[in-house]
Amino acid sequence: MASIKNLLKASLIAPLLVFTLHPAARPYTRQDQPESGPLRTQLSRIIVTPGAGPNLALADFVARSAGVNAAVSTFNQVLAQDLEFAAVAAMVGKSLNPRTPLPDPASLKYDEWSADPVKADYVAFGNIQGSGDLSADTYLYDVKTKQQLLASRHSGDPRRMAHEFAEEIVKLLTGQNGVATSKIAYVSGGGIKVMDYDGFNQRGFASDGPILLFPQFSPDGRHIAYVSYKSGVPNIVVRSAEGGIVGGTHFNSTTTSPSISPGGQLVFSSAIGQGGSMEIYVSSLDGSNPKRLTHTSKVVNISPRWNPKTGREIAFISDRGGAPQIYVMDSSGANQRPLIARGGHSDSPSWSPDGRYIAFTWGGAGGYQVFVADVGSGQLLQLTSRGRNESPSWSPDGRHLVFQSNRTGRWEVWLMHIDGSGQRQLSQGGGRTPSWGK
């Protein structure tokens, strides 16, 4: 396979550039990697497993109006899936629940839920009613202290109401927002689509060109930047999450790999300068006042990503040392240094929301997989192994990752916990380069 440099010279406009970015390489070995045990333990502690953390029981919600049984069934299923995936508490199996319906606080018998076999610390319950517009009365109780922790009413479709209640529970138990109401942008069929975090509600977001690539949510979830070939030359388009165009670039040279800083600046890779290199630039959201951050000759610098926590660091891919590797620099362009110097070939860096870890694609002749690196220690942990797995993106809460995989025979969007567990397919009909937003 040709080198990155030759590929870019030959076809900078090639629509599948990102998928041919890896050159032929020497196979990396397990000896090339630092010991991953401590990092695996560290990441696994973030994921609650049975027997660890508080016990959360879910009572099936009760229909309080005629004709809402289907909505109640959907609500119960989605709420259970949301909380199981959130992994912020050990979920009590519903087969252990008392048989008495629990539609409201007046029906709650604390001893039934705190004693064997349930042994719950918390119980969530409620009811759904309405003829046209549905509403759900939702409750969360501490069954040991007999305190009401949540009492709220939601309205709308059952999936949305379940997502909202799950978010309330996660926020109360952790002090942080979860992902149940979050969105994932991805490439499918030449356009940009957006779906709910669980793969439902897949819909078109942008189709303003023959080829659209590399969607990236801003850290606050308010914008999506992507690459469009509408003018024949790839440039960046920035839209609000609602769809309106709010910025972008208008250069006469290939411009790609957008990322938005916490402060609303745009960073990207472009060939607008001289010297035959793809360089990293930062600009206003509308592409004005571009400032060059890298200064190399006949080198590819691509895939810049802002540290979403501080906005003061940018990770990017560069082949200045021969093979593409992850580098980190200050947002001014100063202090450029390699993150990992252990062979193999790297691509698609993605910062965790707290700026502590970087997920990325790494591989060689043996294939490409998703890894996580501890930025401070340099430790690596391999998360995937089946098929080819690339383009990871962190969930807003830092507990999960979404990525693309061809393990089923074509590229689809998958997600997993940050320790590599719980992998499952999300997209249907093809999906690549996902980005997870609030």
Protein backbone atom coordinates (compact mmCIF):
# COMPACT_ATOMS: atom_id res chain seq x y z
CA MET A 1 0.00 0.00 0.00
CA ALA A 2 1.28 3.48 -0.82
CA SER A 3 2.54 5.80 1.87
CA ILE A 4 0.40 8.58 3.30
CA LYS A 5 2.50 11.17 1.52
CA ASN A 6 2.05 9.55 -1.90
CA LEU A 7 -1.65 9.01 -1.33
CA LEU A 8 -2.16 12.67 -0.56
CA LYS A 9 -0.14 13.77 -3.56
CA ALA A 10 -2.04 11.44 -5.86
CA SER A 11 -5.59 12.14 -4.70
CA LEU A 12 -6.13 14.66 -1.96
CA ILE A 13 -9.73 14.83 -3.11
CA ALA A 14 -10.31 11.09 -2.79
CA PRO A 15 -13.54 10.62 -0.85
CA LEU A 16 -12.19 7.68 1.11
CA LEU A 17 -8.95 9.32 2.19
CA VAL A 18 -9.55 8.55 5.82
CA PHE A 19 -9.93 4.87 5.11
CA THR A 20 -6.65 4.64 3.15
CA LEU A 21 -4.65 6.69 5.61
CA HIS A 22 -2.81 3.67 7.03
CA PRO A 23 0.29 2.73 4.98
CA ALA A 24 1.84 -0.70 4.91
CA ALA A 25 3.64 -1.17 8.18
CA ARG A 26 5.74 -3.57 10.14
CA PRO A 27 3.54 -5.63 12.46
CA TYR A 28 3.50 -4.32 15.99
CA THR A 29 3.84 -6.83 18.80
CA ARG A 30 2.50 -7.03 22.30
CA GLN A 31 6.05 -6.23 23.45
CA ASP A 32 5.66 -2.83 21.77
CA GLN A 33 2.96 -1.94 24.30
CA PRO A 34 3.35 -0.88 27.92
CA GLU A 35 1.76 -3.06 30.57
CA SER A 36 -2.00 -2.41 30.40
CA GLY A 37 -3.12 -4.02 33.65
CA PRO A 38 -3.23 -0.86 35.77
CA LEU A 39 -5.03 1.08 33.03
CA ARG A 40 -7.60 -1.70 32.53
CA THR A 41 -8.27 -1.76 36.26
CA GLN A 42 -8.59 2.01 36.29
CA LEU A 43 -11.10 2.07 33.43
CA SER A 44 -13.06 -0.92 34.70
CA ARG A 45 -13.65 0.81 38.02
CA ILE A 46 -15.72 3.40 36.18
CA ILE A 47 -18.13 0.67 35.05
CA VAL A 48 -20.40 -0.71 37.78
CA THR A 49 -20.80 -4.49 37.68
CA PRO A 50 -23.19 -6.74 39.64
CA GLY A 51 -22.15 -6.86 43.25
CA ALA A 52 -20.58 -3.40 43.11
CA GLY A 53 -22.23 -0.06 43.74
CA PRO A 54 -25.79 0.62 44.90
CA ASN A 55 -28.62 -1.74 43.93
CA LEU A 56 -31.27 -0.12 41.76
CA ALA A 57 -34.64 -1.83 41.21
CA LEU A 58 -37.07 -0.88 38.45
CA ALA A 59 -40.75 -1.54 38.99
CA ASP A 60 -42.69 -1.84 35.75
CA PHE A 61 -44.60 1.37 35.07
CA VAL A 62 -48.38 1.03 35.25
CA ALA A 63 -50.97 2.15 32.68
CA ARG A 64 -53.39 4.68 34.15
CA SER A 65 -55.38 5.22 30.93
CA ALA A 66 -56.93 2.94 28.35
CA GLY A 67 -55.00 2.38 25.15
CA VAL A 68 -51.52 3.11 26.50
CA ASN A 69 -50.31 -0.44 27.06
CA ALA A 70 -47.98 -0.37 24.04
CA ALA A 71 -46.48 2.93 25.19
CA VAL A 72 -45.99 1.55 28.70
CA SER A 73 -44.21 -1.51 27.33
CA THR A 74 -41.87 0.66 25.25
CA PHE A 75 -41.19 2.96 28.20
CA ASN A 76 -40.33 0.05 30.50
CA GLN A 77 -38.01 -1.51 27.95
CA VAL A 78 -36.16 1.71 27.10
CA LEU A 79 -35.76 2.79 30.73
CA ALA A 80 -34.27 -0.58 31.67
CA GLN A 81 -31.89 -0.50 28.70
CA ASP A 82 -30.80 3.08 29.44
CA LEU A 83 -29.95 2.35 33.06
CA GLU A 84 -28.31 -0.98 32.29
CA PHE A 85 -26.05 0.71 29.75
CA ALA A 86 -25.37 3.72 31.97
CA ALA A 87 -23.72 1.33 34.44
CA VAL A 88 -24.01 3.69 37.40
CA ALA A 89 -25.71 1.12 39.65
CA ALA A 90 -26.09 -2.64 39.92
CA MET A 91 -29.49 -3.40 38.40
CA VAL A 92 -31.76 -5.76 40.34
CA GLY A 93 -33.30 -8.45 38.15
CA LYS A 94 -37.02 -7.79 37.61
CA SER A 95 -37.78 -11.43 38.36
CA LEU A 96 -37.03 -10.59 42.00
CA ASN A 97 -39.50 -7.70 42.17
CA PRO A 98 -42.60 -7.93 44.38
CA ARG A 99 -45.73 -8.82 42.43
CA THR A 100 -47.72 -5.85 43.78
CA PRO A 101 -48.03 -3.04 41.16
CA LEU A 102 -46.27 0.18 42.11
CA PRO A 103 -47.86 3.11 40.24
CA ASP A 104 -47.38 5.82 42.90
CA PRO A 105 -45.74 6.54 46.28
CA ALA A 106 -48.88 5.54 48.18
CA SER A 107 -48.41 1.97 46.91
CA LEU A 108 -44.77 1.70 48.01
CA LYS A 109 -44.08 -0.88 50.73
CA TYR A 110 -40.46 -0.27 51.69
CA ASP A 111 -39.83 -3.65 53.31
CA GLU A 112 -40.79 -5.50 50.13
CA TRP A 113 -38.02 -3.73 48.22
CA SER A 114 -35.28 -3.53 50.85
CA ALA A 115 -35.48 -7.13 52.13
CA ASP A 116 -34.49 -10.40 50.45
CA PRO A 117 -34.59 -11.28 47.63
CA VAL A 118 -34.67 -7.75 46.15
CA LYS A 119 -32.28 -6.00 48.56
CA ALA A 120 -32.61 -2.71 46.68
CA ASP A 121 -31.08 0.56 47.77
CA TYR A 122 -33.27 2.52 45.35
CA VAL A 123 -36.47 1.81 43.45
CA ALA A 124 -37.77 3.66 40.39
CA PHE A 125 -41.47 3.46 39.50
CA GLY A 126 -44.47 5.38 38.20
CA ASN A 127 -47.37 5.44 35.77
CA ILE A 128 -48.29 6.56 32.26
CA GLN A 129 -51.54 8.15 31.19
CA GLY A 130 -53.19 10.15 28.42
CA SER A 131 -55.41 9.67 25.41
CA GLY A 132 -53.54 11.71 22.81
CA ASP A 133 -50.63 13.39 24.54
CA LEU A 134 -48.93 10.94 26.85
CA SER A 135 -47.44 11.84 30.21
CA ALA A 136 -45.46 9.86 32.75
CA ASP A 137 -45.33 10.43 36.51
CA THR A 138 -41.90 9.19 37.58
CA TYR A 139 -40.45 8.56 41.04
CA LEU A 140 -37.20 7.43 42.61
CA TYR A 141 -37.07 6.46 46.30
CA ASP A 142 -34.34 5.47 48.71
CA VAL A 143 -36.03 2.43 50.24
CA LYS A 144 -33.67 2.20 53.21
CA THR A 145 -33.99 5.80 54.38
CA LYS A 146 -37.58 5.98 53.05
CA GLN A 147 -36.84 9.25 51.28
CA GLN A 148 -38.23 10.53 48.00
CA LEU A 149 -35.33 11.44 45.73
CA LEU A 150 -37.15 12.25 42.49
CA ALA A 151 -40.71 13.12 41.54
CA SER A 152 -41.30 14.52 38.06
CA ARG A 153 -43.72 14.50 35.15
CA HIS A 154 -42.62 13.96 31.55
CA SER A 155 -44.64 14.31 28.37
CA GLY A 156 -44.16 13.17 24.79
CA ASP A 157 -43.41 9.85 23.15
CA PRO A 158 -42.50 6.93 25.43
CA ARG A 159 -38.90 6.61 24.27
CA ARG A 160 -38.18 10.26 24.95
CA MET A 161 -39.85 10.16 28.37
CA ALA A 162 -37.85 7.07 29.35
CA HIS A 163 -34.59 8.71 28.22
CA GLU A 164 -35.37 11.82 30.27
CA PHE A 165 -36.17 9.86 33.43
CA ALA A 166 -33.01 7.79 33.01
CA GLU A 167 -31.01 11.02 32.75
CA GLU A 168 -32.54 12.28 35.98
CA ILE A 169 -31.59 9.08 37.79
CA VAL A 170 -28.02 9.11 36.48
CA LYS A 171 -27.60 12.78 37.41
CA LEU A 172 -28.86 12.15 40.93
CA LEU A 173 -26.67 9.09 41.52
CA THR A 174 -23.47 10.48 39.98
CA GLY A 175 -23.80 14.26 40.00
CA GLN A 176 -23.13 14.24 36.24
CA ASN A 177 -25.28 14.09 33.14
CA GLY A 178 -25.60 10.73 31.42
CA VAL A 179 -26.02 9.88 27.74
CA ALA A 180 -29.65 8.77 27.41
CA THR A 181 -30.67 11.98 25.62
CA SER A 182 -27.40 12.36 23.70
CA LYS A 183 -26.95 12.08 19.91
CA ILE A 184 -24.46 10.45 17.55
CA ALA A 185 -23.58 11.91 14.14
CA TYR A 186 -22.09 9.65 11.47
CA VAL A 187 -21.58 9.19 7.73
CA SER A 188 -24.01 6.95 5.87
CA GLY A 189 -24.87 6.75 2.19
CA GLY A 190 -22.80 9.81 1.30
CA GLY A 191 -24.58 12.08 3.79
CA ILE A 192 -24.50 12.91 7.48
CA LYS A 193 -27.04 11.25 9.75
CA VAL A 194 -27.86 11.67 13.43
CA MET A 195 -29.33 9.04 15.75
CA ASP A 196 -30.14 8.62 19.41
CA TYR A 197 -27.36 7.09 21.48
CA ASP A 198 -29.08 3.67 21.40
CA GLY A 199 -29.31 3.55 17.60
CA PHE A 200 -32.98 4.53 17.33
CA ASN A 201 -34.42 7.53 15.51
CA GLN A 202 -31.86 7.50 12.70
CA ARG A 203 -32.47 10.50 10.44
CA GLY A 204 -30.73 12.63 7.84
CA PHE A 205 -28.90 15.73 9.04
CA ALA A 206 -27.03 17.10 6.00
CA SER A 207 -26.87 16.23 2.30
CA ASP A 208 -25.41 19.42 0.81
CA GLY A 209 -22.86 17.79 -1.46
CA PRO A 210 -22.02 14.62 -3.37
CA ILE A 211 -19.71 13.55 -0.55
CA LEU A 212 -19.84 14.47 3.14
CA LEU A 213 -17.25 13.25 5.64
CA PHE A 214 -15.94 13.44 9.22
CA PRO A 215 -18.78 14.94 11.30
CA GLN A 216 -17.64 16.33 14.65
CA PHE A 217 -19.84 17.64 17.46
CA SER A 218 -18.65 20.67 19.38
CA PRO A 219 -17.99 19.96 23.08
CA ASP A 220 -21.27 21.62 24.08
CA GLY A 221 -23.25 19.68 21.45
CA ARG A 222 -24.55 22.87 19.82
CA HIS A 223 -22.71 22.52 16.50
CA ILE A 224 -21.62 19.85 14.04
CA ALA A 225 -18.67 20.47 11.71
CA TYR A 226 -18.03 18.23 8.70
CA VAL A 227 -16.32 18.11 5.30
CA SER A 228 -18.33 18.77 2.14
CA TYR A 229 -17.33 18.32 -1.51
CA LYS A 230 -20.13 20.62 -2.71
CA SER A 231 -17.75 23.01 -4.50
CA GLY A 232 -15.59 20.20 -5.87
CA VAL A 233 -12.85 20.99 -3.36
CA PRO A 234 -13.31 19.61 0.15
CA ASN A 235 -14.08 22.35 2.64
CA ILE A 236 -15.61 22.50 6.09
CA VAL A 237 -19.24 23.27 6.88
CA VAL A 238 -20.41 24.12 10.40
CA ARG A 239 -24.09 23.75 11.24
CA SER A 240 -26.08 24.23 14.40
CA ALA A 241 -27.41 21.02 15.90
CA GLU A 242 -30.79 22.10 14.51
CA GLY A 243 -29.35 22.17 10.98
CA GLY A 244 -28.69 25.81 10.02
CA ILE A 245 -25.29 26.71 8.54
CA VAL A 246 -23.34 28.95 10.94
CA GLY A 247 -19.78 28.77 9.59
CA GLY A 248 -17.13 26.92 7.63
CA THR A 249 -14.18 27.39 5.28
CA HIS A 250 -13.97 28.50 1.64
CA PHE A 251 -10.44 27.69 0.52
CA ASN A 252 -9.22 26.55 -2.89
CA SER A 253 -7.21 23.67 -1.45
CA THR A 254 -8.20 20.49 0.35
CA THR A 255 -9.41 21.26 3.87
CA THR A 256 -10.51 18.45 6.15
CA SER A 257 -10.65 16.96 9.68
CA PRO A 258 -12.56 19.70 11.55
CA SER A 259 -12.81 20.01 15.31
CA ILE A 260 -14.37 22.74 17.45
CA SER A 261 -12.81 24.04 20.66
CA PRO A 262 -14.71 24.65 23.91
CA GLY A 263 -14.38 28.36 23.14
CA GLY A 264 -15.87 28.06 19.65
CA GLN A 265 -12.74 28.08 17.48
CA LEU A 266 -12.26 25.79 14.49
CA VAL A 267 -9.17 23.65 13.98
CA PHE A 268 -8.60 21.73 10.75
CA SER A 269 -6.03 20.27 8.37
CA SER A 270 -5.45 21.99 5.04
CA ALA A 271 -3.09 22.23 2.06
CA ILE A 272 -3.67 26.00 1.67
CA GLY A 273 -0.01 26.76 2.47
CA GLN A 274 3.12 26.14 0.44
CA GLY A 275 5.52 23.22 0.66
CA GLY A 276 3.35 20.23 -0.25
CA SER A 277 2.24 19.51 3.31
CA MET A 278 -1.08 19.09 5.01
CA GLU A 279 -0.82 21.49 7.95
CA ILE A 280 -2.92 22.22 11.02
CA TYR A 281 -4.71 25.58 11.20
CA VAL A 282 -6.96 27.28 13.71
CA SER A 283 -9.55 29.90 12.75
CA SER A 284 -12.80 31.51 13.71
CA LEU A 285 -15.89 29.34 13.27
CA ASP A 286 -16.55 31.02 9.91
CA GLY A 287 -13.04 30.17 8.67
CA SER A 288 -11.72 33.72 8.98
CA ASN A 289 -8.30 34.63 10.38
CA PRO A 290 -6.67 31.22 9.86
CA LYS A 291 -3.46 30.73 11.84
CA ARG A 292 -1.01 27.99 10.92
CA LEU A 293 0.07 25.82 13.86
CA THR A 294 2.37 23.25 12.23
CA HIS A 295 5.28 24.10 9.93
CA THR A 296 6.63 21.05 8.15
CA SER A 297 7.78 20.12 4.66
CA LYS A 298 6.19 17.32 2.64
CA VAL A 299 4.55 15.95 5.76
CA VAL A 300 0.95 15.02 6.52
CA ASN A 301 -0.51 16.60 9.68
CA ILE A 302 -4.15 15.60 10.00
CA SER A 303 -7.03 14.79 12.37
CA PRO A 304 -6.55 17.61 14.91
CA ARG A 305 -8.71 17.31 18.02
CA TRP A 306 -9.10 19.86 20.80
CA ASN A 307 -8.81 18.85 24.42
CA PRO A 308 -12.48 19.43 25.39
CA LYS A 309 -11.64 19.96 29.05
CA THR A 310 -9.10 22.76 28.80
CA GLY A 311 -9.11 23.88 25.16
CA ARG A 312 -5.37 24.42 25.61
CA GLU A 313 -4.10 21.28 23.86
CA ILE A 314 -4.59 19.74 20.43
CA ALA A 315 -3.89 16.12 19.54
CA PHE A 316 -3.21 15.32 15.89
CA ILE A 317 -1.70 12.72 13.55
CA SER A 318 1.61 13.35 11.80
CA ASP A 319 3.93 11.19 9.70
CA ARG A 320 6.93 13.49 10.28
CA GLY A 321 8.78 10.58 11.86
CA GLY A 322 7.91 8.16 9.06
CA ALA A 323 4.79 6.35 10.26
CA PRO A 324 1.65 8.26 11.34
CA GLN A 325 1.68 8.79 15.09
CA ILE A 326 -0.24 10.84 17.64
CA TYR A 327 1.30 14.16 18.57
CA VAL A 328 0.11 16.71 21.09
CA MET A 329 0.75 20.46 20.99
CA ASP A 330 -0.35 23.57 22.80
CA SER A 331 -3.25 25.39 21.15
CA SER A 332 -0.74 28.04 20.03
CA GLY A 333 1.22 25.40 18.08
CA ALA A 334 4.08 25.32 20.58
CA ASN A 335 5.52 22.29 22.35
CA GLN A 336 4.77 19.67 19.69
CA ARG A 337 5.66 16.22 21.01
CA PRO A 338 4.72 12.59 20.29
CA LEU A 339 2.24 10.97 22.65
CA ILE A 340 3.31 7.42 21.84
CA ALA A 341 6.64 6.39 20.35
CA ARG A 342 6.33 2.61 20.16
CA GLY A 343 5.86 1.60 16.54
CA GLY A 344 2.63 0.75 14.80
CA HIS A 345 0.47 3.31 13.04
CA SER A 346 -2.02 5.63 14.71
CA ASP A 347 -5.11 7.47 13.49
CA SER A 348 -8.29 9.21 14.70
CA PRO A 349 -7.35 10.57 18.15
CA SER A 350 -10.28 11.43 20.43
CA TRP A 351 -9.92 13.09 23.85
CA SER A 352 -12.00 11.95 26.80
CA PRO A 353 -14.20 14.76 28.20
CA ASP A 354 -11.92 15.13 31.23
CA GLY A 355 -8.79 15.34 29.04
CA ARG A 356 -7.20 12.39 30.81
CA TYR A 357 -7.31 9.80 28.04
CA ILE A 358 -7.09 9.65 24.26
CA ALA A 359 -8.85 6.89 22.33
CA PHE A 360 -7.45 6.18 18.88
CA THR A 361 -6.97 3.64 16.10
CA TRP A 362 -3.66 1.78 16.18
CA GLY A 363 -2.37 -1.10 14.14
CA GLY A 364 -0.22 -2.50 11.40
CA ALA A 365 -0.13 -5.56 9.18
CA GLY A 366 -2.24 -7.47 11.70
CA GLY A 367 -5.17 -5.07 11.45
CA TYR A 368 -6.42 -1.92 13.11
CA GLN A 369 -8.08 -1.74 16.50
CA VAL A 370 -9.31 0.82 19.02
CA PHE A 371 -6.97 1.61 21.90
CA VAL A 372 -7.04 4.01 24.85
CA ALA A 373 -3.94 5.84 26.04
CA ASP A 374 -3.46 7.43 29.44
CA VAL A 375 -2.07 10.84 28.45
CA GLY A 376 -0.10 11.20 31.66
CA SER A 377 1.55 7.77 31.83
CA GLY A 378 1.48 6.69 28.17
CA GLN A 379 -0.07 3.32 29.08
CA LEU A 380 -2.14 1.67 26.34
CA LEU A 381 -5.14 -0.60 26.50
CA GLN A 382 -6.59 -2.47 23.49
CA LEU A 383 -10.40 -2.43 23.52
CA THR A 384 -11.41 -4.25 20.30
CA SER A 385 -10.26 -7.37 18.47
CA ARG A 386 -12.96 -8.62 16.06
CA GLY A 387 -12.66 -7.32 12.51
CA ARG A 388 -11.25 -3.86 11.82
CA ASN A 389 -12.25 -1.14 14.29
CA GLU A 390 -11.58 2.57 13.86
CA SER A 391 -12.60 6.19 14.54
CA PRO A 392 -13.49 6.13 18.26
CA SER A 393 -15.41 8.99 19.86
CA TRP A 394 -16.10 9.48 23.57
CA SER A 395 -19.53 9.78 25.11
CA PRO A 396 -20.25 13.12 26.82
CA ASP A 397 -20.02 11.46 30.24
CA GLY A 398 -16.67 9.81 29.49
CA ARG A 399 -17.94 6.30 30.29
CA HIS A 400 -18.46 4.91 26.78
CA LEU A 401 -17.05 4.98 23.25
CA VAL A 402 -18.62 4.82 19.82
CA PHE A 403 -16.61 3.58 16.83
CA GLN A 404 -16.85 2.07 13.35
CA SER A 405 -16.36 -1.64 12.76
CA ASN A 406 -16.50 -3.96 9.74
CA ARG A 407 -16.83 -7.15 11.81
CA THR A 408 -20.21 -7.94 10.21
CA GLY A 409 -18.94 -7.54 6.64
CA ARG A 410 -19.54 -3.81 6.18
CA TRP A 411 -18.82 -0.67 8.15
CA GLU A 412 -21.34 0.05 10.88
CA VAL A 413 -21.38 2.19 14.01
CA TRP A 414 -20.83 0.32 17.27
CA LEU A 415 -20.54 1.34 20.90
CA MET A 416 -18.94 -0.05 24.06
CA HIS A 417 -17.98 0.80 27.62
CA ILE A 418 -14.54 2.38 28.03
CA ASP A 419 -13.06 -0.89 29.27
CA GLY A 420 -14.10 -2.60 26.00
CA SER A 421 -17.10 -4.47 27.43
CA GLY A 422 -20.70 -4.30 26.20
CA GLN A 423 -19.94 -3.94 22.48
CA ARG A 424 -23.03 -3.73 20.27
CA GLN A 425 -24.04 -2.46 16.84
CA LEU A 426 -26.03 0.76 16.49
CA SER A 427 -26.40 1.77 12.85
CA GLN A 428 -28.29 -0.10 10.15
CA GLY A 429 -27.49 0.33 6.48
CA GLY A 430 -23.89 1.43 6.93
CA GLY A 431 -22.14 3.91 9.19
CA ARG A 432 -18.68 5.47 9.51
CA THR A 433 -16.68 8.06 11.48
CA PRO A 434 -19.16 8.59 14.32
CA SER A 435 -19.06 11.55 16.70
CA TRP A 436 -20.91 11.54 20.03
CA GLY A 437 -22.49 14.79 21.18
CA LYS A 438 -24.58 16.02 24.07
